[in-house]
Amino acid sequence: MLRTQGIATRIVNGFQAGDYNETAGVYVVRQKNA
């Protein structure tokens, strides 16, 4: 829709933050976070 209006746009694929593991002090990112 934006490109048809001449607006530069790109699609980004990645992961959302995930779940924080307090014991390990890290975020656990799983496929469900894609």
PDB file of all heavy atoms in Angstrom:
ATOM      1  N   MET A   1       0.827  -1.211   0.000  1.00  0.00           N
ATOM      2  CA  MET A   1       0.000   0.000   0.000  1.00  0.00           C
ATOM      3  C   MET A   1       0.862   1.262   0.000  1.00  0.00           C
ATOM      4  O   MET A   1       0.587   2.214  -0.738  1.00  0.00           O
ATOM      5  CB  MET A   1      -0.933   0.000   1.208  1.00  0.00           C
ATOM      6  CG  MET A   1      -2.035  -1.017   1.132  1.00  0.00           C
ATOM      7  SD  MET A   1      -3.000  -0.982   2.667  1.00  0.00           S
ATOM      8  CE  MET A   1      -4.118  -2.323   2.394  1.00  0.00           C
ATOM      9  N   LEU A   2       1.898   1.283   0.826  1.00  0.00           N
ATOM     10  CA  LEU A   2       2.765   2.461   0.892  1.00  0.00           C
ATOM     11  C   LEU A   2       3.597   2.622  -0.378  1.00  0.00           C
ATOM     12  O   LEU A   2       3.779   3.739  -0.864  1.00  0.00           O
ATOM     13  CB  LEU A   2       3.663   2.386   2.122  1.00  0.00           C
ATOM     14  CG  LEU A   2       2.943   2.604   3.452  1.00  0.00           C
ATOM     15  CD1 LEU A   2       3.864   2.277   4.617  1.00  0.00           C
ATOM     16  CD2 LEU A   2       2.431   4.024   3.564  1.00  0.00           C
ATOM     17  N   ARG A   3       4.081   1.520  -0.905  1.00  0.00           N
ATOM     18  CA  ARG A   3       4.884   1.599  -2.137  1.00  0.00           C
ATOM     19  C   ARG A   3       4.072   2.121  -3.308  1.00  0.00           C
ATOM     20  O   ARG A   3       4.618   2.810  -4.175  1.00  0.00           O
ATOM     21  CB  ARG A   3       5.492   0.237  -2.450  1.00  0.00           C
ATOM     22  CG  ARG A   3       6.609  -0.147  -1.494  1.00  0.00           C
ATOM     23  CD  ARG A   3       7.096  -1.547  -1.744  1.00  0.00           C
ATOM     24  NE  ARG A   3       8.128  -1.922  -0.775  1.00  0.00           N
ATOM     25  CZ  ARG A   3       8.626  -3.135  -0.689  1.00  0.00           C
ATOM     26  NH1 ARG A   3       8.208  -4.096  -1.501  1.00  0.00           N
ATOM     27  NH2 ARG A   3       9.552  -3.401   0.218  1.00  0.00           N
ATOM     28  N   THR A   4       2.777   1.797  -3.353  1.00  0.00           N
ATOM     29  CA  THR A   4       1.945   2.341  -4.440  1.00  0.00           C
ATOM     30  C   THR A   4       1.810   3.851  -4.336  1.00  0.00           C
ATOM     31  O   THR A   4       1.452   4.507  -5.306  1.00  0.00           O
ATOM     32  CB  THR A   4       0.535   1.708  -4.464  1.00  0.00           C
ATOM     33  OG1 THR A   4      -0.157   2.054  -3.268  1.00  0.00           O
ATOM     34  CG2 THR A   4       0.597   0.207  -4.649  1.00  0.00           C
ATOM     35  N   GLN A   5       2.111   4.395  -3.162  1.00  0.00           N
ATOM     36  CA  GLN A   5       2.063   5.846  -2.946  1.00  0.00           C
ATOM     37  C   GLN A   5       3.451   6.477  -3.079  1.00  0.00           C
ATOM     38  O   GLN A   5       3.639   7.659  -2.783  1.00  0.00           O
ATOM     39  CB  GLN A   5       1.489   6.156  -1.566  1.00  0.00           C
ATOM     40  CG  GLN A   5       0.088   5.616  -1.340  1.00  0.00           C
ATOM     41  CD  GLN A   5      -0.885   6.143  -2.375  1.00  0.00           C
ATOM     42  OE1 GLN A   5      -0.994   7.348  -2.575  1.00  0.00           O
ATOM     43  NE2 GLN A   5      -1.581   5.241  -3.061  1.00  0.00           N
ATOM     44  N   GLY A   6       4.429   5.682  -3.514  1.00  0.00           N
ATOM     45  CA  GLY A   6       5.786   6.194  -3.696  1.00  0.00           C
ATOM     46  C   GLY A   6       6.578   6.329  -2.408  1.00  0.00           C
ATOM     47  O   GLY A   6       7.576   7.048  -2.367  1.00  0.00           O
ATOM     48  N   ILE A   7       6.151   5.651  -1.356  1.00  0.00           N
ATOM     49  CA  ILE A   7       6.823   5.746  -0.061  1.00  0.00           C
ATOM     50  C   ILE A   7       7.759   4.552   0.106  1.00  0.00           C
ATOM     51  O   ILE A   7       7.333   3.394  -0.004  1.00  0.00           O
ATOM     52  CB  ILE A   7       5.789   5.797   1.084  1.00  0.00           C
ATOM     53  CG1 ILE A   7       4.923   7.056   0.932  1.00  0.00           C
ATOM     54  CG2 ILE A   7       6.475   5.756   2.444  1.00  0.00           C
ATOM     55  CD1 ILE A   7       3.738   7.117   1.855  1.00  0.00           C
ATOM     56  N   ALA A   8       9.030   4.817   0.366  1.00  0.00           N
ATOM     57  CA  ALA A   8      10.026   3.758   0.534  1.00  0.00           C
ATOM     58  C   ALA A   8       9.706   2.941   1.775  1.00  0.00           C
ATOM     59  O   ALA A   8       9.588   3.480   2.879  1.00  0.00           O
ATOM     60  CB  ALA A   8      11.425   4.359   0.630  1.00  0.00           C
ATOM     61  N   THR A   9       9.561   1.655   1.573  1.00  0.00           N
ATOM     62  CA  THR A   9       9.137   0.756   2.639  1.00  0.00           C
ATOM     63  C   THR A   9       9.872  -0.565   2.508  1.00  0.00           C
ATOM     64  O   THR A   9      10.123  -1.028   1.403  1.00  0.00           O
ATOM     65  CB  THR A   9       7.618   0.484   2.522  1.00  0.00           C
ATOM     66  OG1 THR A   9       6.922   1.714   2.435  1.00  0.00           O
ATOM     67  CG2 THR A   9       7.109  -0.286   3.704  1.00  0.00           C
ATOM     68  N   ARG A  10      10.200  -1.157   3.654  1.00  0.00           N
ATOM     69  CA  ARG A  10      10.779  -2.495   3.626  1.00  0.00           C
ATOM     70  C   ARG A  10      10.120  -3.368   4.688  1.00  0.00           C
ATOM     71  O   ARG A  10       9.651  -2.872   5.721  1.00  0.00           O
ATOM     72  CB  ARG A  10      12.292  -2.451   3.824  1.00  0.00           C
ATOM     73  CG  ARG A  10      12.755  -1.888   5.152  1.00  0.00           C
ATOM     74  CD  ARG A  10      14.263  -1.731   5.174  1.00  0.00           C
ATOM     75  NE  ARG A  10      14.737  -1.178   6.432  1.00  0.00           N
ATOM     76  CZ  ARG A  10      15.966  -0.725   6.622  1.00  0.00           C
ATOM     77  NH1 ARG A  10      16.840  -0.757   5.630  1.00  0.00           N
ATOM     78  NH2 ARG A  10      16.333  -0.233   7.786  1.00  0.00           N
ATOM     79  N   ILE A  11      10.085  -4.658   4.401  1.00  0.00           N
ATOM     80  CA  ILE A  11       9.534  -5.633   5.337  1.00  0.00           C
ATOM     81  C   ILE A  11      10.695  -6.187   6.156  1.00  0.00           C
ATOM     82  O   ILE A  11      11.751  -6.509   5.612  1.00  0.00           O
ATOM     83  CB  ILE A  11       8.809  -6.765   4.595  1.00  0.00           C
ATOM     84  CG1 ILE A  11       7.617  -6.196   3.815  1.00  0.00           C
ATOM     85  CG2 ILE A  11       8.356  -7.853   5.566  1.00  0.00           C
ATOM     86  CD1 ILE A  11       6.976  -7.187   2.879  1.00  0.00           C
ATOM     87  N   VAL A  12      10.492  -6.294   7.457  1.00  0.00           N
ATOM     88  CA  VAL A  12      11.516  -6.807   8.361  1.00  0.00           C
ATOM     89  C   VAL A  12      10.990  -8.091   9.000  1.00  0.00           C
ATOM     90  O   VAL A  12       9.871  -8.123   9.502  1.00  0.00           O
ATOM     91  CB  VAL A  12      11.854  -5.776   9.461  1.00  0.00           C
ATOM     92  CG1 VAL A  12      12.932  -6.316  10.377  1.00  0.00           C
ATOM     93  CG2 VAL A  12      12.258  -4.452   8.840  1.00  0.00           C
ATOM     94  N   ASN A  13      11.797  -9.129   8.961  1.00  0.00           N
ATOM     95  CA  ASN A  13      11.477 -10.382   9.641  1.00  0.00           C
ATOM     96  C   ASN A  13      12.485 -10.574  10.759  1.00  0.00           C
ATOM     97  O   ASN A  13      13.688 -10.426  10.541  1.00  0.00           O
ATOM     98  CB  ASN A  13      11.554 -11.567   8.674  1.00  0.00           C
ATOM     99  CG  ASN A  13      10.460 -11.514   7.646  1.00  0.00           C
ATOM    100  OD1 ASN A  13       9.294 -11.570   7.984  1.00  0.00           O
ATOM    101  ND2 ASN A  13      10.833 -11.386   6.385  1.00  0.00           N
ATOM    102  N   GLY A  14      11.987 -10.883  11.929  1.00  0.00           N
ATOM    103  CA  GLY A  14      12.877 -11.070  13.063  1.00  0.00           C
ATOM    104  C   GLY A  14      12.133 -11.696  14.221  1.00  0.00           C
ATOM    105  O   GLY A  14      11.205 -12.469  14.025  1.00  0.00           O
ATOM    106  N   PHE A  15      12.540 -11.325  15.427  1.00  0.00           N
ATOM    107  CA  PHE A  15      11.944 -11.896  16.627  1.00  0.00           C
ATOM    108  C   PHE A  15      11.619 -10.793  17.623  1.00  0.00           C
ATOM    109  O   PHE A  15      12.351  -9.815  17.732  1.00  0.00           O
ATOM    110  CB  PHE A  15      12.909 -12.895  17.279  1.00  0.00           C
ATOM    111  CG  PHE A  15      13.118 -14.126  16.454  1.00  0.00           C
ATOM    112  CD1 PHE A  15      14.081 -14.161  15.456  1.00  0.00           C
ATOM    113  CD2 PHE A  15      12.341 -15.251  16.668  1.00  0.00           C
ATOM    114  CE1 PHE A  15      14.271 -15.296  14.694  1.00  0.00           C
ATOM    115  CE2 PHE A  15      12.519 -16.391  15.903  1.00  0.00           C
ATOM    116  CZ  PHE A  15      13.484 -16.408  14.917  1.00  0.00           C
ATOM    117  N   GLN A  16      10.518 -10.991  18.343  1.00  0.00           N
ATOM    118  CA  GLN A  16      10.200 -10.103  19.453  1.00  0.00           C
ATOM    119  C   GLN A  16      11.058 -10.532  20.646  1.00  0.00           C
ATOM    120  O   GLN A  16      11.733 -11.552  20.605  1.00  0.00           O
ATOM    121  CB  GLN A  16       8.709 -10.174  19.772  1.00  0.00           C
ATOM    122  CG  GLN A  16       7.869  -9.634  18.633  1.00  0.00           C
ATOM    123  CD  GLN A  16       6.388  -9.810  18.877  1.00  0.00           C
ATOM    124  OE1 GLN A  16       5.957 -10.770  19.481  1.00  0.00           O
ATOM    125  NE2 GLN A  16       5.606  -8.864  18.383  1.00  0.00           N
ATOM    126  N   ALA A  17      11.009  -9.792  21.708  1.00  0.00           N
ATOM    127  CA  ALA A  17      11.936  -9.946  22.834  1.00  0.00           C
ATOM    128  C   ALA A  17      12.040 -11.356  23.405  1.00  0.00           C
ATOM    129  O   ALA A  17      13.116 -11.784  23.793  1.00  0.00           O
ATOM    130  CB  ALA A  17      11.556  -8.978  23.954  1.00  0.00           C
ATOM    131  N   GLY A  18      10.968 -12.079  23.512  1.00  0.00           N
ATOM    132  CA  GLY A  18      11.024 -13.399  24.144  1.00  0.00           C
ATOM    133  C   GLY A  18      10.722 -13.305  25.631  1.00  0.00           C
ATOM    134  O   GLY A  18      10.180 -12.316  26.120  1.00  0.00           O
ATOM    135  N   ASP A  19      11.095 -14.338  26.346  1.00  0.00           N
ATOM    136  CA  ASP A  19      10.823 -14.425  27.781  1.00  0.00           C
ATOM    137  C   ASP A  19      12.130 -14.282  28.559  1.00  0.00           C
ATOM    138  O   ASP A  19      13.130 -14.928  28.242  1.00  0.00           O
ATOM    139  CB  ASP A  19      10.177 -15.775  28.124  1.00  0.00           C
ATOM    140  CG  ASP A  19       8.885 -15.987  27.352  1.00  0.00           C
ATOM    141  OD1 ASP A  19       8.030 -15.080  27.379  1.00  0.00           O
ATOM    142  OD2 ASP A  19       8.741 -17.055  26.726  1.00  0.00           O
ATOM    143  N   TYR A  20      12.103 -13.452  29.593  1.00  0.00           N
ATOM    144  CA  TYR A  20      13.305 -13.227  30.392  1.00  0.00           C
ATOM    145  C   TYR A  20      13.470 -14.353  31.407  1.00  0.00           C
ATOM    146  O   TYR A  20      12.555 -14.682  32.157  1.00  0.00           O
ATOM    147  CB  TYR A  20      13.235 -11.880  31.102  1.00  0.00           C
ATOM    148  CG  TYR A  20      14.524 -11.529  31.802  1.00  0.00           C
ATOM    149  CD1 TYR A  20      15.657 -11.218  31.074  1.00  0.00           C
ATOM    150  CD2 TYR A  20      14.604 -11.532  33.185  1.00  0.00           C
ATOM    151  CE1 TYR A  20      16.857 -10.909  31.705  1.00  0.00           C
ATOM    152  CE2 TYR A  20      15.786 -11.223  33.832  1.00  0.00           C
ATOM    153  CZ  TYR A  20      16.907 -10.909  33.080  1.00  0.00           C
ATOM    154  OH  TYR A  20      18.091 -10.610  33.714  1.00  0.00           O
ATOM    155  N   ASN A  21      14.644 -14.938  31.449  1.00  0.00           N
ATOM    156  CA  ASN A  21      14.987 -15.971  32.414  1.00  0.00           C
ATOM    157  C   ASN A  21      15.845 -15.319  33.489  1.00  0.00           C
ATOM    158  O   ASN A  21      17.020 -15.012  33.255  1.00  0.00           O
ATOM    159  CB  ASN A  21      15.745 -17.118  31.724  1.00  0.00           C
ATOM    160  CG  ASN A  21      16.110 -18.228  32.677  1.00  0.00           C
ATOM    161  OD1 ASN A  21      16.602 -17.996  33.773  1.00  0.00           O
ATOM    162  ND2 ASN A  21      15.875 -19.455  32.230  1.00  0.00           N
ATOM    163  N   GLU A  22      15.252 -15.087  34.655  1.00  0.00           N
ATOM    164  CA  GLU A  22      15.962 -14.393  35.732  1.00  0.00           C
ATOM    165  C   GLU A  22      17.161 -15.179  36.257  1.00  0.00           C
ATOM    166  O   GLU A  22      18.182 -14.590  36.619  1.00  0.00           O
ATOM    167  CB  GLU A  22      14.996 -14.090  36.881  1.00  0.00           C
ATOM    168  CG  GLU A  22      13.964 -13.042  36.518  1.00  0.00           C
ATOM    169  CD  GLU A  22      13.085 -12.663  37.695  1.00  0.00           C
ATOM    170  OE1 GLU A  22      13.526 -12.819  38.848  1.00  0.00           O
ATOM    171  OE2 GLU A  22      11.962 -12.211  37.448  1.00  0.00           O
ATOM    172  N   THR A  23      17.046 -16.486  36.289  1.00  0.00           N
ATOM    173  CA  THR A  23      18.136 -17.316  36.798  1.00  0.00           C
ATOM    174  C   THR A  23      19.386 -17.172  35.945  1.00  0.00           C
ATOM    175  O   THR A  23      20.488 -16.995  36.458  1.00  0.00           O
ATOM    176  CB  THR A  23      17.713 -18.800  36.851  1.00  0.00           C
ATOM    177  OG1 THR A  23      16.532 -18.900  37.641  1.00  0.00           O
ATOM    178  CG2 THR A  23      18.801 -19.661  37.453  1.00  0.00           C
ATOM    179  N   ALA A  24      19.202 -17.235  34.638  1.00  0.00           N
ATOM    180  CA  ALA A  24      20.339 -17.144  33.712  1.00  0.00           C
ATOM    181  C   ALA A  24      20.672 -15.705  33.337  1.00  0.00           C
ATOM    182  O   ALA A  24      21.752 -15.421  32.836  1.00  0.00           O
ATOM    183  CB  ALA A  24      20.060 -17.953  32.456  1.00  0.00           C
ATOM    184  N   GLY A  25      19.719 -14.791  33.572  1.00  0.00           N
ATOM    185  CA  GLY A  25      19.927 -13.393  33.214  1.00  0.00           C
ATOM    186  C   GLY A  25      19.927 -13.150  31.709  1.00  0.00           C
ATOM    187  O   GLY A  25      20.616 -12.266  31.215  1.00  0.00           O
ATOM    188  N   VAL A  26      19.117 -13.941  30.970  1.00  0.00           N
ATOM    189  CA  VAL A  26      19.050 -13.823  29.514  1.00  0.00           C
ATOM    190  C   VAL A  26      17.596 -13.894  29.033  1.00  0.00           C
ATOM    191  O   VAL A  26      16.710 -14.335  29.768  1.00  0.00           O
ATOM    192  CB  VAL A  26      19.852 -14.952  28.815  1.00  0.00           C
ATOM    193  CG1 VAL A  26      21.332 -14.883  29.183  1.00  0.00           C
ATOM    194  CG2 VAL A  26      19.291 -16.320  29.153  1.00  0.00           C
ATOM    195  N   TYR A  27      17.388 -13.429  27.821  1.00  0.00           N
ATOM    196  CA  TYR A  27      16.094 -13.609  27.179  1.00  0.00           C
ATOM    197  C   TYR A  27      16.117 -14.912  26.390  1.00  0.00           C
ATOM    198  O   TYR A  27      17.074 -15.189  25.662  1.00  0.00           O
ATOM    199  CB  TYR A  27      15.781 -12.448  26.230  1.00  0.00           C
ATOM    200  CG  TYR A  27      15.288 -11.221  26.953  1.00  0.00           C
ATOM    201  CD1 TYR A  27      16.178 -10.238  27.354  1.00  0.00           C
ATOM    202  CD2 TYR A  27      13.946 -11.064  27.253  1.00  0.00           C
ATOM    203  CE1 TYR A  27      15.738  -9.118  28.039  1.00  0.00           C
ATOM    204  CE2 TYR A  27      13.496  -9.953  27.929  1.00  0.00           C
ATOM    205  CZ  TYR A  27      14.390  -8.973  28.317  1.00  0.00           C
ATOM    206  OH  TYR A  27      13.951  -7.877  28.998  1.00  0.00           O
ATOM    207  N   VAL A  28      15.077 -15.710  26.527  1.00  0.00           N
ATOM    208  CA  VAL A  28      14.928 -16.940  25.762  1.00  0.00           C
ATOM    209  C   VAL A  28      13.980 -16.640  24.610  1.00  0.00           C
ATOM    210  O   VAL A  28      12.824 -16.281  24.825  1.00  0.00           O
ATOM    211  CB  VAL A  28      14.376 -18.087  26.641  1.00  0.00           C
ATOM    212  CG1 VAL A  28      14.192 -19.354  25.820  1.00  0.00           C
ATOM    213  CG2 VAL A  28      15.290 -18.321  27.833  1.00  0.00           C
ATOM    214  N   VAL A  29      14.502 -16.744  23.398  1.00  0.00           N
ATOM    215  CA  VAL A  29      13.726 -16.435  22.204  1.00  0.00           C
ATOM    216  C   VAL A  29      13.389 -17.740  21.496  1.00  0.00           C
ATOM    217  O   VAL A  29      14.281 -18.543  21.200  1.00  0.00           O
ATOM    218  CB  VAL A  29      14.505 -15.491  21.254  1.00  0.00           C
ATOM    219  CG1 VAL A  29      13.690 -15.181  20.020  1.00  0.00           C
ATOM    220  CG2 VAL A  29      14.883 -14.217  21.991  1.00  0.00           C
ATOM    221  N   ARG A  30      12.101 -17.939  21.250  1.00  0.00           N
ATOM    222  CA  ARG A  30      11.628 -19.172  20.629  1.00  0.00           C
ATOM    223  C   ARG A  30      10.959 -18.865  19.292  1.00  0.00           C
ATOM    224  O   ARG A  30      10.701 -17.706  18.970  1.00  0.00           O
ATOM    225  CB  ARG A  30      10.626 -19.859  21.561  1.00  0.00           C
ATOM    226  CG  ARG A  30      11.224 -20.297  22.885  1.00  0.00           C
ATOM    227  CD  ARG A  30      10.162 -20.990  23.759  1.00  0.00           C
ATOM    228  NE  ARG A  30      10.744 -21.542  24.962  1.00  0.00           N
ATOM    229  CZ  ARG A  30      10.917 -20.877  26.097  1.00  0.00           C
ATOM    230  NH1 ARG A  30      10.545 -19.616  26.195  1.00  0.00           N
ATOM    231  NH2 ARG A  30      11.451 -21.463  27.151  1.00  0.00           N
ATOM    232  N   GLN A  31      10.642 -19.913  18.556  1.00  0.00           N
ATOM    233  CA  GLN A  31       9.978 -19.754  17.268  1.00  0.00           C
ATOM    234  C   GLN A  31       8.681 -18.950  17.410  1.00  0.00           C
ATOM    235  O   GLN A  31       8.344 -18.156  16.544  1.00  0.00           O
ATOM    236  CB  GLN A  31       9.688 -21.123  16.633  1.00  0.00           C
ATOM    237  CG  GLN A  31       9.008 -21.053  15.287  1.00  0.00           C
ATOM    238  CD  GLN A  31       9.825 -20.337  14.225  1.00  0.00           C
ATOM    239  OE1 GLN A  31      11.050 -20.411  14.225  1.00  0.00           O
ATOM    240  NE2 GLN A  31       9.154 -19.637  13.339  1.00  0.00           N
ATOM    241  N   LYS A  32       7.975 -19.115  18.524  1.00  0.00           N
ATOM    242  CA  LYS A  32       6.716 -18.389  18.730  1.00  0.00           C
ATOM    243  C   LYS A  32       6.931 -16.871  18.788  1.00  0.00           C
ATOM    244  O   LYS A  32       5.991 -16.105  18.671  1.00  0.00           O
ATOM    245  CB  LYS A  32       6.003 -18.866  20.000  1.00  0.00           C
ATOM    246  CG  LYS A  32       6.699 -18.457  21.296  1.00  0.00           C
ATOM    247  CD  LYS A  32       5.916 -18.881  22.509  1.00  0.00           C
ATOM    248  CE  LYS A  32       6.579 -18.355  23.775  1.00  0.00           C
ATOM    249  NZ  LYS A  32       5.787 -18.605  24.961  1.00  0.00           N
ATOM    250  N   ASN A  33       8.172 -16.434  18.959  1.00  0.00           N
ATOM    251  CA  ASN A  33       8.489 -15.008  19.019  1.00  0.00           C
ATOM    252  C   ASN A  33       8.831 -14.423  17.653  1.00  0.00           C
ATOM    253  O   ASN A  33       9.133 -13.236  17.541  1.00  0.00           O
ATOM    254  CB  ASN A  33       9.639 -14.751  19.991  1.00  0.00           C
ATOM    255  CG  ASN A  33       9.345 -15.234  21.394  1.00  0.00           C
ATOM    256  OD1 ASN A  33       9.993 -16.143  21.882  1.00  0.00           O
ATOM    257  ND2 ASN A  33       8.350 -14.663  22.040  1.00  0.00           N
ATOM    258  N   ALA A  34       8.783 -15.243  16.595  1.00  0.00           N
ATOM    259  CA  ALA A  34       9.037 -14.750  15.235  1.00  0.00           C
ATOM    260  C   ALA A  34       7.972 -13.726  14.866  1.00  0.00           C
ATOM    261  O   ALA A  34       6.805 -13.839  15.267  1.00  0.00           O
ATOM    262  CB  ALA A  34       9.035 -15.909  14.251  1.00  0.00           C
TER     263      ALA A  34
END
